[in-house]
Every structure is written in C-alpha cells, then in structure tokens.
Protein backbone atom coordinates (compact mmCIF):
# COMPACT_ATOMS: atom_id res chain seq x y z
CA UNK A 1 0.00 0.00 0.00
CA UNK A 2 1.28 3.47 -0.82
CA UNK A 3 2.04 5.40 2.40
CA UNK A 4 -0.43 8.21 2.90
CA UNK A 5 1.05 11.72 3.26
CA UNK A 6 -2.15 12.96 4.82
CA UNK A 7 -3.07 13.45 8.48
CA UNK A 8 -3.04 10.20 10.41
CA UNK A 9 -3.96 9.47 14.01
CA UNK A 10 -0.42 8.81 15.08
CA UNK A 11 -0.89 8.32 18.79
CA UNK A 12 -2.24 4.88 19.66
CA UNK A 13 -4.57 6.49 22.19
CA UNK A 14 -6.50 7.89 19.24
CA UNK A 15 -7.44 4.35 18.22
CA UNK A 16 -8.90 3.61 21.66
CA UNK A 17 -12.69 3.71 21.75
CA UNK A 18 -13.68 4.49 25.35
CA UNK A 19 -16.97 3.13 26.61
CA UNK A 20 -19.86 5.45 25.96
CA UNK A 21 -22.07 6.54 28.78
CA UNK A 22 -24.83 3.97 29.24
CA UNK A 23 -27.45 6.57 28.29
CA UNK A 24 -27.26 10.09 26.97
CA UNK A 25 -30.28 12.34 26.72
CA UNK A 26 -29.61 15.41 24.60
CA UNK A 27 -31.33 17.98 22.46
CA UNK A 28 -30.66 15.93 19.31
CA UNK A 29 -32.33 12.82 20.74
CA UNK A 30 -31.27 9.91 22.91
CA UNK A 31 -28.29 7.58 22.56
CA UNK A 32 -27.01 4.70 24.62
CA UNK A 33 -26.09 1.08 25.14
CA UNK A 34 -28.71 -1.47 24.25
CA UNK A 35 -29.80 -3.51 27.26
CA UNK A 36 -28.46 -1.46 30.14
CA UNK A 37 -29.15 2.07 28.88
CA UNK A 38 -31.29 2.60 25.82
CA UNK A 39 -34.38 0.53 26.55
CA UNK A 40 -37.78 0.38 24.78
CA UNK A 41 -39.60 2.18 27.59
CA UNK A 42 -37.21 5.15 27.36
CA UNK A 43 -37.60 5.25 23.58
CA UNK A 44 -41.40 5.10 23.79
CA UNK A 45 -41.44 8.06 26.18
CA UNK A 46 -38.96 10.07 24.13
CA UNK A 47 -40.94 9.48 20.94
CA UNK A 48 -44.11 10.47 22.83
CA UNK A 49 -42.39 13.69 23.92
CA UNK A 50 -41.53 14.46 20.29
CA UNK A 51 -45.06 13.61 19.18
CA UNK A 52 -46.49 15.85 21.91
CA UNK A 53 -44.24 18.70 20.73
CA UNK A 54 -45.40 18.22 17.12
CA UNK A 55 -49.06 18.32 18.17
CA UNK A 56 -50.23 15.30 16.16
CA UNK A 57 -48.61 16.40 12.89
CA UNK A 58 -47.34 13.71 10.46
CA UNK A 59 -43.90 12.24 11.16
CA UNK A 60 -41.49 10.17 9.08
CA UNK A 61 -39.56 7.28 10.62
CA UNK A 62 -36.54 5.43 9.23
CA UNK A 63 -34.08 2.96 10.70
CA UNK A 64 -30.72 1.38 10.01
CA UNK A 65 -29.92 -2.32 9.76
CA UNK A 66 -28.72 -2.99 13.32
CA UNK A 67 -30.56 -5.80 15.07
CA UNK A 68 -31.55 -3.45 17.87
CA UNK A 69 -33.04 -0.93 15.42
CA UNK A 70 -35.97 -3.21 14.61
CA UNK A 71 -36.85 -3.33 18.32
CA UNK A 72 -36.45 0.44 18.76
CA UNK A 73 -38.50 0.98 15.60
CA UNK A 74 -41.52 -0.63 17.26
CA UNK A 75 -41.02 1.53 20.34
CA UNK A 76 -40.80 4.73 18.27
CA UNK A 77 -44.00 3.89 16.39
CA UNK A 78 -45.81 3.21 19.67
CA UNK A 79 -44.71 6.50 21.22
CA UNK A 80 -45.66 8.59 18.20
CA UNK A 81 -49.01 6.85 17.61
CA UNK A 82 -49.94 7.23 21.27
CA UNK A 83 -49.87 11.02 20.87
CA UNK A 84 -52.03 10.96 17.75
CA UNK A 85 -49.25 11.40 15.18
CA UNK A 86 -49.72 9.70 11.84
CA UNK A 87 -46.46 7.97 10.97
CA UNK A 88 -45.04 7.51 7.47
CA UNK A 89 -42.67 4.55 7.80
CA UNK A 90 -39.71 4.35 5.40
CA UNK A 91 -38.28 1.14 6.86
CA UNK A 92 -34.52 0.74 6.35
CA UNK A 93 -33.45 4.21 5.26
CA UNK A 94 -30.15 6.12 5.52
CA UNK A 95 -30.47 9.16 7.75
CA UNK A 96 -29.66 11.73 5.00
CA UNK A 97 -32.26 10.17 2.70
CA UNK A 98 -34.79 10.44 5.52
CA UNK A 99 -33.82 14.07 6.05
CA UNK A 100 -34.30 14.75 2.34
CA UNK A 101 -37.79 13.21 2.46
CA UNK A 102 -39.10 15.39 5.32
CA UNK A 103 -39.73 18.63 3.36
CA UNK A 104 -40.37 16.59 0.19
CA UNK A 105 -43.42 14.98 1.82
CA UNK A 106 -44.54 17.90 3.97
CA UNK A 107 -43.87 16.18 7.30
CA UNK A 108 -43.47 18.12 10.53
CA UNK A 109 -40.35 16.12 11.41
CA UNK A 110 -38.79 12.70 11.51
CA UNK A 111 -37.05 10.22 13.78
CA UNK A 112 -34.00 8.36 12.57
CA UNK A 113 -33.14 5.16 14.43
CA UNK A 114 -29.44 4.68 13.84
CA UNK A 115 -26.18 4.05 15.65
CA UNK A 116 -24.39 6.05 12.96
CA UNK A 117 -20.62 5.90 13.47
CA UNK A 118 -20.93 4.14 16.85
CA UNK A 119 -19.94 0.49 17.31
CA UNK A 120 -22.35 -2.43 17.71
CA UNK A 121 -24.26 -2.33 20.98
CA UNK A 122 -24.84 1.43 20.71
CA UNK A 123 -27.93 2.91 19.12
CA UNK A 124 -29.83 6.18 19.04
CA UNK A 125 -33.00 7.94 18.03
CA UNK A 126 -32.29 11.27 16.37
CA UNK A 127 -34.83 14.06 15.99
CA UNK A 128 -35.21 15.85 12.67
CA UNK A 129 -37.16 19.05 12.13
CA UNK A 130 -39.53 20.12 9.38
CA UNK A 131 -36.78 21.51 7.12
CA UNK A 132 -34.87 18.23 7.14
CA UNK A 133 -32.11 19.32 9.52
CA UNK A 134 -31.49 17.98 13.01
CA UNK A 135 -33.73 19.98 15.30
CA UNK A 136 -32.08 23.07 16.71
CA UNK A 137 -30.78 22.71 20.28
CA UNK A 138 -33.29 25.19 21.72
CA UNK A 139 -36.14 23.16 20.19
CA UNK A 140 -34.61 19.94 21.40
CA UNK A 141 -34.50 21.33 24.94
CA UNK A 142 -38.27 21.80 24.77
CA UNK A 143 -38.70 18.13 23.82
CA UNK A 144 -36.41 17.20 26.72
CA UNK A 145 -38.54 19.25 29.10
CA UNK A 146 -41.65 17.37 27.98
CA UNK A 147 -39.85 14.06 28.41
CA UNK A 148 -38.56 14.78 31.91
CA UNK A 149 -41.90 16.22 33.06
CA UNK A 150 -43.73 13.29 31.44
CA UNK A 151 -46.16 15.88 30.14
CA UNK A 152 -47.36 13.75 27.23
CA UNK A 153 -50.50 14.57 25.24
CA UNK A 154 -51.86 11.06 24.79
CA UNK A 155 -54.64 10.67 22.24
CA UNK A 156 -57.98 8.95 23.08
CA UNK A 157 -58.65 5.53 21.60
CA UNK A 158 -60.38 6.87 18.48
CA UNK A 159 -57.61 9.40 17.67
CA UNK A 160 -54.54 7.19 17.92
CA UNK A 161 -52.17 7.74 15.02
CA UNK A 162 -51.98 5.45 12.00
CA UNK A 163 -48.95 4.02 10.20
CA UNK A 164 -48.48 3.99 6.43
CA UNK A 165 -45.51 2.85 4.33
CA UNK A 166 -43.73 5.10 1.86
CA UNK A 167 -42.56 3.23 -1.23
CA UNK A 168 -39.97 4.20 -3.87
CA UNK A 169 -38.75 7.24 -1.94
CA UNK A 170 -35.19 6.51 -3.04
CA UNK A 171 -36.14 6.98 -6.69
CA UNK A 172 -37.15 10.60 -6.07
CA UNK A 173 -34.01 11.13 -4.03
CA UNK A 174 -31.68 9.81 -6.75
CA UNK A 175 -33.55 11.68 -9.48
CA UNK A 176 -33.01 14.93 -7.60
CA UNK A 177 -29.37 14.07 -6.94
CA UNK A 178 -28.84 13.36 -10.64
CA UNK A 179 -30.41 16.72 -11.52
CA UNK A 180 -27.90 18.44 -9.24
CA UNK A 181 -24.83 16.72 -10.73
CA UNK A 182 -23.24 16.70 -14.17
CA UNK A 183 -24.36 13.13 -14.78
CA UNK A 184 -23.34 13.16 -18.44
CA UNK A 185 -19.72 13.88 -17.48
CA UNK A 186 -19.75 11.20 -14.79
CA UNK A 187 -21.27 8.62 -17.11
CA UNK A 188 -18.80 9.47 -19.87
CA UNK A 189 -15.91 8.91 -17.44
CA UNK A 190 -17.25 5.38 -16.73
CA UNK A 191 -15.72 5.18 -13.28
CA UNK A 192 -15.09 1.93 -11.44
CA UNK A 193 -15.89 2.58 -7.78
CA UNK A 194 -15.44 0.47 -4.65
CA UNK A 195 -18.07 1.36 -2.02
CA UNK A 196 -18.15 0.02 1.56
CA UNK A 197 -21.37 0.95 3.42
CA UNK A 198 -20.36 -1.24 6.41
CA UNK A 199 -23.52 -3.40 6.12
CA UNK A 200 -25.48 -0.37 7.23
CA UNK A 201 -28.53 1.54 6.06
CA UNK A 202 -26.87 2.47 2.78
CA UNK A 203 -26.40 -1.17 1.74
CA UNK A 204 -29.70 -1.53 -0.18
CA UNK A 205 -29.11 1.75 -2.02
CA UNK A 206 -25.55 1.69 -3.34
CA UNK A 207 -26.61 -0.24 -6.46
CA UNK A 208 -29.37 2.26 -7.39
CA UNK A 209 -26.80 5.01 -6.74
CA UNK A 210 -24.31 3.35 -9.10
CA UNK A 211 -27.00 2.84 -11.77
CA UNK A 212 -28.03 6.48 -11.45
CA UNK A 213 -24.50 7.68 -12.26
CA UNK A 214 -23.47 4.93 -14.64
CA UNK A 215 -20.77 3.51 -12.37
CA UNK A 216 -19.16 0.09 -12.41
CA UNK A 217 -19.73 -0.83 -8.79
CA UNK A 218 -17.55 -3.11 -6.71
CA UNK A 219 -19.45 -3.47 -3.41
CA UNK A 220 -17.83 -4.35 -0.08
CA UNK A 221 -19.78 -5.10 3.11
CA UNK A 222 -23.10 -4.41 1.37
CA UNK A 223 -25.25 -7.07 3.05
CA UNK A 224 -27.86 -5.69 5.45
CA UNK A 225 -27.04 -8.40 7.97
CA UNK A 226 -27.76 -6.55 11.21
CA UNK A 227 -24.07 -6.49 12.14
CA UNK A 228 -21.66 -3.74 11.11
CA UNK A 229 -18.64 -5.28 9.41
CA UNK A 230 -15.98 -2.99 10.90
CA UNK A 231 -15.59 0.06 13.09
CA UNK A 232 -18.25 2.29 11.47
CA UNK A 233 -16.16 5.46 11.59
CA UNK A 234 -14.75 6.14 8.10
CA UNK A 235 -11.15 6.65 9.20
CA UNK A 236 -7.99 5.51 7.39
CA UNK A 237 -7.51 2.52 9.68
CA UNK A 238 -11.00 1.29 8.73
CA UNK A 239 -10.35 1.70 5.01
CA UNK A 240 -7.64 -0.95 4.85
CA UNK A 241 -9.94 -3.62 3.43
CA UNK A 242 -10.95 -1.37 0.55
CA UNK A 243 -7.37 -0.22 0.01
CA UNK A 244 -6.11 -3.81 -0.07
CA UNK A 245 -8.79 -4.76 -2.59
CA UNK A 246 -7.83 -1.86 -4.83
CA UNK A 247 -4.28 -3.19 -5.06
CA UNK A 248 -5.63 -6.11 -7.10
CA UNK A 249 -8.72 -4.70 -8.82
CA UNK A 250 -8.24 -1.58 -10.95
CA UNK A 251 -10.65 1.02 -9.62
CA UNK A 252 -10.79 4.79 -9.88
CA UNK A 253 -11.70 5.44 -6.25
CA UNK A 254 -12.78 3.72 -3.07
CA UNK A 255 -15.35 5.17 -0.70
CA UNK A 256 -16.22 4.07 2.84
CA UNK A 257 -19.09 5.40 4.90
CA UNK A 258 -20.54 5.30 8.37
CA UNK A 259 -23.47 2.95 8.91
CA UNK A 260 -26.02 5.78 8.53
CA UNK A 261 -24.39 7.26 5.37
CA UNK A 262 -23.66 10.51 7.19
CA UNK A 263 -19.85 10.34 6.97
CA UNK A 264 -17.43 9.43 4.20
CA UNK A 265 -13.74 9.02 3.48
CA UNK A 266 -11.96 8.06 0.28
CA UNK A 267 -9.21 5.75 -0.91
CA UNK A 268 -7.39 6.94 -4.02
CA UNK A 269 -6.72 4.84 -7.09
CA UNK A 270 -3.17 4.18 -5.85
CA UNK A 271 -4.26 2.98 -2.42
CA UNK A 272 -3.91 6.16 -0.37
CA UNK A 273 -6.26 6.04 2.59
CA UNK A 274 -6.99 9.73 2.89
CA UNK A 275 -8.03 11.08 6.26
CA UNK A 276 -11.70 11.79 6.81
CA UNK A 277 -10.56 15.37 7.40
CA UNK A 278 -10.13 15.77 3.64
CA UNK A 279 -13.67 14.94 2.53
CA UNK A 280 -14.95 18.46 3.19
CA UNK A 281 -11.93 20.24 1.60
CA UNK A 282 -12.09 18.09 -1.56
CA UNK A 283 -15.76 18.92 -2.01
CA UNK A 284 -15.33 22.58 -1.02
CA UNK A 285 -12.58 22.97 -3.61
CA UNK A 286 -15.02 21.74 -6.26
CA UNK A 287 -18.22 23.47 -5.13
CA UNK A 288 -16.62 26.86 -4.41
CA UNK A 289 -15.02 26.93 -7.86
CA UNK A 290 -18.56 27.14 -9.24
CA UNK A 291 -20.21 29.24 -6.55
CA UNK A 292 -18.50 31.14 -3.77
CA UNK A 293 -20.13 32.05 -0.45
CA UNK A 294 -20.07 31.03 3.20
CA UNK A 295 -18.67 27.69 4.36
CA UNK A 296 -19.67 26.54 7.85
CA UNK A 297 -17.51 24.15 9.83
CA UNK A 298 -16.64 23.48 13.46
CA UNK A 299 -13.77 24.56 15.66
CA UNK A 300 -11.73 21.38 15.24
CA UNK A 301 -11.75 20.78 11.49
CA UNK A 302 -8.53 21.00 9.48
CA UNK A 303 -7.23 24.40 8.46
CA UNK A 304 -7.18 23.06 4.91
CA UNK A 305 -10.84 24.13 4.71
CA UNK A 306 -9.85 27.71 5.50
CA UNK A 307 -7.10 27.64 2.88
CA UNK A 308 -9.42 26.25 0.21
CA UNK A 309 -12.04 28.87 1.03
CA UNK A 310 -9.41 31.61 0.80
CA UNK A 311 -8.39 30.26 -2.62
CA UNK A 312 -11.97 30.83 -3.84
CA UNK A 313 -12.57 34.07 -1.92
CA UNK A 314 -15.14 32.40 0.29
CA UNK A 315 -15.82 33.04 3.97
CA UNK A 316 -15.51 30.43 6.72
CA UNK A 317 -17.81 30.57 9.75
CA UNK A 318 -17.02 28.40 12.76
CA UNK A 319 -19.75 26.68 14.77
CA UNK A 320 -19.87 24.28 17.67
CA UNK A 321 -19.27 20.58 17.08
CA UNK A 322 -22.31 18.63 15.88
CA UNK A 323 -24.61 18.43 12.87
CA UNK A 324 -27.36 20.41 14.59
CA UNK A 325 -25.04 23.39 15.16
CA UNK A 326 -23.65 23.24 11.61
CA UNK A 327 -27.17 23.12 10.13
CA UNK A 328 -28.32 26.02 12.29
CA UNK A 329 -25.33 28.16 11.29
CA UNK A 330 -25.86 27.29 7.62
CA UNK A 331 -29.40 28.62 7.87
CA UNK A 332 -28.34 31.75 9.77
CA UNK A 333 -25.47 32.55 7.39
CA UNK A 334 -27.19 31.44 4.18
CA UNK A 335 -24.22 29.15 3.72
CA UNK A 336 -23.29 27.41 0.48
CA UNK A 337 -21.66 24.40 2.12
CA UNK A 338 -21.15 22.98 5.58
CA UNK A 339 -19.43 20.06 7.24
CA UNK A 340 -17.01 18.74 9.80
CA UNK A 341 -13.64 17.04 9.91
CA UNK A 342 -15.22 13.66 10.64
CA UNK A 343 -16.00 13.17 6.95
CA UNK A 344 -19.33 14.96 6.77
CA UNK A 345 -20.72 17.48 4.27
CA UNK A 346 -24.09 19.17 3.74
CA UNK A 347 -25.17 21.12 0.68
CA UNK A 348 -28.30 23.08 1.71
CA UNK A 349 -29.59 23.47 -1.85
CA UNK A 350 -30.01 19.68 -1.94
CA UNK A 351 -30.11 18.38 1.63
CA UNK A 352 -29.62 19.98 5.03
CA UNK A 353 -28.23 16.76 6.45
CA UNK A 354 -24.74 15.27 6.21
CA UNK A 355 -25.11 13.09 3.13
CA UNK A 356 -22.59 10.48 1.93
CA UNK A 357 -24.45 9.82 -1.35
CA UNK A 358 -24.20 13.53 -2.11
CA UNK A 359 -20.52 13.52 -1.12
CA UNK A 360 -19.76 10.59 -3.41
CA UNK A 361 -21.60 12.27 -6.28
CA UNK A 362 -19.77 15.58 -5.86
CA UNK A 363 -16.35 13.90 -5.66
CA UNK A 364 -17.07 11.86 -8.80
CA UNK A 365 -18.29 15.02 -10.53
CA UNK A 366 -15.07 16.79 -9.60
CA UNK A 367 -13.03 13.91 -11.02
CA UNK A 368 -15.08 13.85 -14.23
CA UNK A 369 -15.25 17.59 -14.90
CA UNK A 370 -11.59 18.19 -14.08
CA UNK A 371 -10.52 14.92 -15.69
CA UNK A 372 -8.52 14.29 -12.54
CA UNK A 373 -7.75 11.18 -10.54
CA UNK A 374 -8.75 10.87 -6.90
CA UNK A 375 -5.10 11.22 -5.89
CA UNK A 376 -4.86 14.43 -7.93
CA UNK A 377 -7.87 15.93 -6.13
CA UNK A 378 -6.21 15.15 -2.82
CA UNK A 379 -2.78 16.42 -3.90
CA UNK A 380 -4.35 19.76 -4.88
CA UNK A 381 -5.12 20.51 -1.23
CA UNK A 382 -2.89 22.38 1.23
CA UNK A 383 -1.46 19.86 3.70
CA UNK A 384 -1.25 19.95 7.47
CA UNK A 385 -0.65 17.26 10.05
CA UNK A 386 -3.20 16.34 12.70
CA UNK A 387 -2.73 14.52 15.98
CA UNK A 388 -5.83 13.32 17.84
CA UNK A 389 -5.57 12.24 21.47
CA UNK A 390 -7.76 11.98 24.53
CA UNK A 391 -7.43 12.11 28.30
CA UNK A 392 -9.75 10.11 30.55
CA UNK A 393 -11.94 12.17 32.86
CA UNK A 394 -15.61 12.68 33.66
CA UNK A 395 -17.26 15.52 31.75
CA UNK A 396 -17.87 17.73 34.79
CA UNK A 397 -14.20 17.42 35.74
CA UNK A 398 -13.22 18.10 32.15
CA UNK A 399 -15.17 21.36 32.12
CA UNK A 400 -13.48 22.52 35.31
CA UNK A 401 -10.06 21.55 34.00
CA UNK A 402 -10.61 23.53 30.80
CA UNK A 403 -11.75 26.55 32.82
CA UNK A 404 -8.51 26.43 34.79
CA UNK A 405 -6.47 26.03 31.61
CA UNK A 406 -8.18 29.10 30.13
CA UNK A 407 -6.93 31.14 33.08
CA UNK A 408 -3.32 30.10 32.45
CA UNK A 409 -1.15 31.52 29.67
CA UNK A 410 2.04 29.55 30.16
CA UNK A 411 1.00 26.39 28.29
CA UNK A 412 -0.34 28.24 25.25
CA UNK A 413 2.59 30.67 24.90
CA UNK A 414 1.64 33.45 22.46
CA UNK A 415 -1.34 31.68 20.92
CA UNK A 416 -4.75 33.30 20.55
CA UNK A 417 -7.42 31.71 22.76
CA UNK A 418 -11.10 31.27 21.90
CA UNK A 419 -13.83 29.38 23.77
CA UNK A 420 -16.70 28.99 21.31
CA UNK A 421 -16.69 25.24 21.98
CA UNK A 422 -14.21 24.09 24.60
CA UNK A 423 -10.82 25.77 24.18
CA UNK A 424 -9.03 26.52 20.94
CA UNK A 425 -5.60 28.11 20.62
CA UNK A 426 -4.40 29.45 17.26
CA UNK A 427 -0.81 30.05 16.17
CA UNK A 428 0.43 31.15 12.73
CA UNK A 429 1.50 27.58 11.98
CA UNK A 430 -1.40 25.63 13.51
CA UNK A 431 -3.99 25.26 16.24
CA UNK A 432 -4.97 23.16 19.25
CA UNK A 433 -8.49 22.29 20.38
CA UNK A 434 -9.63 20.76 23.66
CA UNK A 435 -13.19 19.70 24.33
CA UNK A 436 -14.97 17.59 26.94
CA UNK A 437 -16.81 14.77 25.14
CA UNK A 438 -20.57 14.49 25.50
CA UNK A 439 -20.66 10.77 24.73
CA UNK A 440 -17.67 9.37 26.62
CA UNK A 441 -15.78 10.19 29.86
CA UNK A 442 -12.85 11.86 28.09
CA UNK A 443 -11.46 15.22 27.01
CA UNK A 444 -10.61 15.21 23.31
CA UNK A 445 -7.41 16.86 22.11
CA UNK A 446 -6.82 17.75 18.46
CA UNK A 447 -3.63 19.45 17.34
CA UNK A 448 -2.84 20.54 13.79
CA UNK A 449 0.40 22.09 12.55
CA UNK A 450 2.62 22.34 9.51
CA UNK A 451 4.90 19.65 10.91
CA UNK A 452 4.23 16.45 12.87
CA UNK A 453 6.67 17.19 15.74
CA UNK A 454 5.03 20.55 16.47
CA UNK A 455 1.52 19.08 16.41
CA UNK A 456 2.58 16.21 18.69
CA UNK A 457 4.44 18.46 21.11
CA UNK A 458 1.47 20.78 21.59
CA UNK A 459 -0.91 17.87 22.06
CA UNK A 460 1.44 16.27 24.60
CA UNK A 461 1.79 19.50 26.58
CA UNK A 462 -1.97 19.90 26.75
CA UNK A 463 -2.50 16.23 27.69
CA UNK A 464 0.00 16.39 30.56
CA UNK A 465 -1.60 19.53 31.98
CA UNK A 466 -5.08 18.04 31.66
CA UNK A 467 -4.01 14.84 33.44
CA UNK A 468 -2.68 16.96 36.29
CA UNK A 469 -5.86 19.05 36.54
CA UNK A 470 -8.21 16.08 36.24
C-alpha cells in the first residue's frame, strides 16, 4: 500500500474507543447502550415527547440495519401513535435520505433510528425538524422538558395515530441528486468505484446510486445483515480492506461510509487512505469553484478548509461541534456548504443533512469535470498534520479543567485563545483544540500544525496539563 502523506492518528490512544455513557439524553435525541441504557420504555417516552411537541402532525420514521433498530423501531412507532401522530414509515433508510424526504413529503419532522458511526451495541434515536435538519438545540430542549416532566399529550382511543408505508422514496431522491450533478460527465468517465457501506442503512441503495450515475460498482460489506462489518467510523484505519482490494482490482476510487451514510472518506486509485478530514476540503474545492459564499464548519476541522475557502474568496464561519449546530449556522449565514472534519458534508440546496451519497456524487463530478484522478484531487489541497488524542476524565471534571487552563497563559505561549466550543488556541503555523466529550468520559485533544513534531508536542503539553488538573 502506498504510504499516505495525509493526516493520520499517530498516537495509539486515538485508536482507543472508550466506553460510551450507558445513556445520553440530549437535544438531538437519545443515545445509549442497548440492554443497560437505551431501553424500549425510554424510547417510547422520548418518541411520545416528540409527538407531543409536534401536536399530532405527520412524522417520518426510518431505521438502520442494526438488530436493535428493529426493536427500537416498534417503540418509536408506539410512542408517536400514542400522541395521535400519523407515521409515514420508510423502513430501512439512511439518515440523510430520511432528512431529504421530510420537506419533500410535507412532514413536521422525523425520527431516525441509527447508531451512525458508533460500534455495535450502541444505538440512538435522532430528531429531525420540518426543514430536514437535526432539530435546533433550543427546540430539542423543549422536547427534553416534555420528556422529563412526562407531560405527554396522549390521544384517546379513536384518535390514535396510524402508520403507512412510503414506497420508492429513493427513486425521487436519486432523481433529484442526478439533476444536481453533471451526470453526463460522470457517465462518460465510466468510473469503477469500490463502495463500503459497512452493512449499514446504505447497503440496499448503493446499487441504485451506481446505476443512477453509470458507475461500475464493486461493493464491499453491502449485506444488510444486522451487524456492522468494521468500526463504522470512516477513518484511514478502517479503510484498509478497501485499500487492499484496490491493489488487485483496478478502480478509480474507493469510498467508505458510516453505517447511517452521514460520513465518508476516500481511498485513491493508488491505495492512499486519505483522512476523513479531507472529505470536506475536496468537495469545497469543487463546489466553491462554481459558486462562492459562506462555508460553515466546526472549531476542530482541518485548516485546509480555510485555505481552500481563501483560494476561492469564500468566507468560513465556525460553529460548535455537531450536525445540529452546523445546520443552524448554515441557515443563519445562508451558507453554500457545511461540514465537519469527521467526513461529513451538507449542501443546503439539496439536503440539510450530512449526506454520503451527495458527497460521493460531488467527488465523482469533480473527477469527471476536471478529468482528474482521486489522488490528484487530494494532492491539490494544502497539507497539514493532525494529531488526535484523549485524556480520561468525567465531563464535569473536564469542564473545570478547561476553565482552569483558560486562566493560564504559560502552556499556550503566544497563541490566541477562543472558547466557542471548549478551548481553541491558534498560532500562525497551527492550532490546538480541547473539548470535553458528550458521549464518553474523556477530554478530546486535536492538534494541527505544519509539521508532525510541532503538532505532537502541543498535544502532549496539553495532555500532561489536563491529566494533572483532572
């Protein structure tokens, strides 16, 4: 395999997946471990809280392929129907496709049942608003209030909601995607593409996607078996299977996604496993060449995005980490493009959600229109080096530790401090971001610089201070 010159997670601690909290209730929905955290009774009540908030308006529901999702699906239907909501059931449906369908079918909102990038044993129900974006945090807090107060508006026996099935929704989705892209150029290029949807919700749809764009598809892990085939995060270490396959089968590009089709990373035609950090810059470099404007990203995404935006005279707006915050900022700023360094991109003119099908289409369009290889698209980007680490510590202790670090200047030297989301320090040659995780008892550390030693040194200094304060 050709060594990748792009940001890698060089500290072994970055490969460690700490146990998630057993249950997490948040404004976006509820997430937790199946069996000892996320149970059907909790899901029923949370769905009832959402149904109460929507005041019996129609709701879409979709799920992924995890074994637990079928169980949670029944609980979600029960909770929504109990409050008088009519449910339009899409069955197995990738989250971005569900988000696309919400305004398309005039629904008041939707619930996606999906573990996303989380490992087996973890699942979630995610709340989607009427415009197809994750509900804004302030709205989600209202749903949480209803849930905690158990102030549900249950319907009488003769007003209980009904369930109907929505058929062929993917056809409309792919038709609209094809109308957005230069399909003629993509078809003329006749790309051979390896796609790995990790046996997730995208598995039934990668063939229609390939047919839509005239691709020769080589599928990997495309059986909706109920078990994800690998770590669902689309990081370089999880792209090795696709990269190894591409050493023996000539293909133009490899693409691996999360199990909900919300995140994507690529493998070039020469076997480079590009970091998930480069999905947004590759697409931004293509989209902004046609239409400049505002790009929204979070505080811990590679500076390559800023450099690409500068190249096209676009503006970058930083938001807090999370799809809900990116979507909200895109609406506020009338943004052209949004995304995060975890391999996620949203294009509001098509879909307000992070959409891997859209990402794949835009990358293939860029290759076709520019007559460039995948490795050439990657090589055209400014390069930095990222180190991702974490320090164990409960969230409340992490917050206090970061507050104390903000008061000190010694560790950050002459860097500029900001606290939009955790702590971020900027230097001319890089940046450092520290943030208490909401899903695991850790503080995340991300350091980016022009050289690996500088990025590692700054991350190590921050980690040692955090360990002392925690």
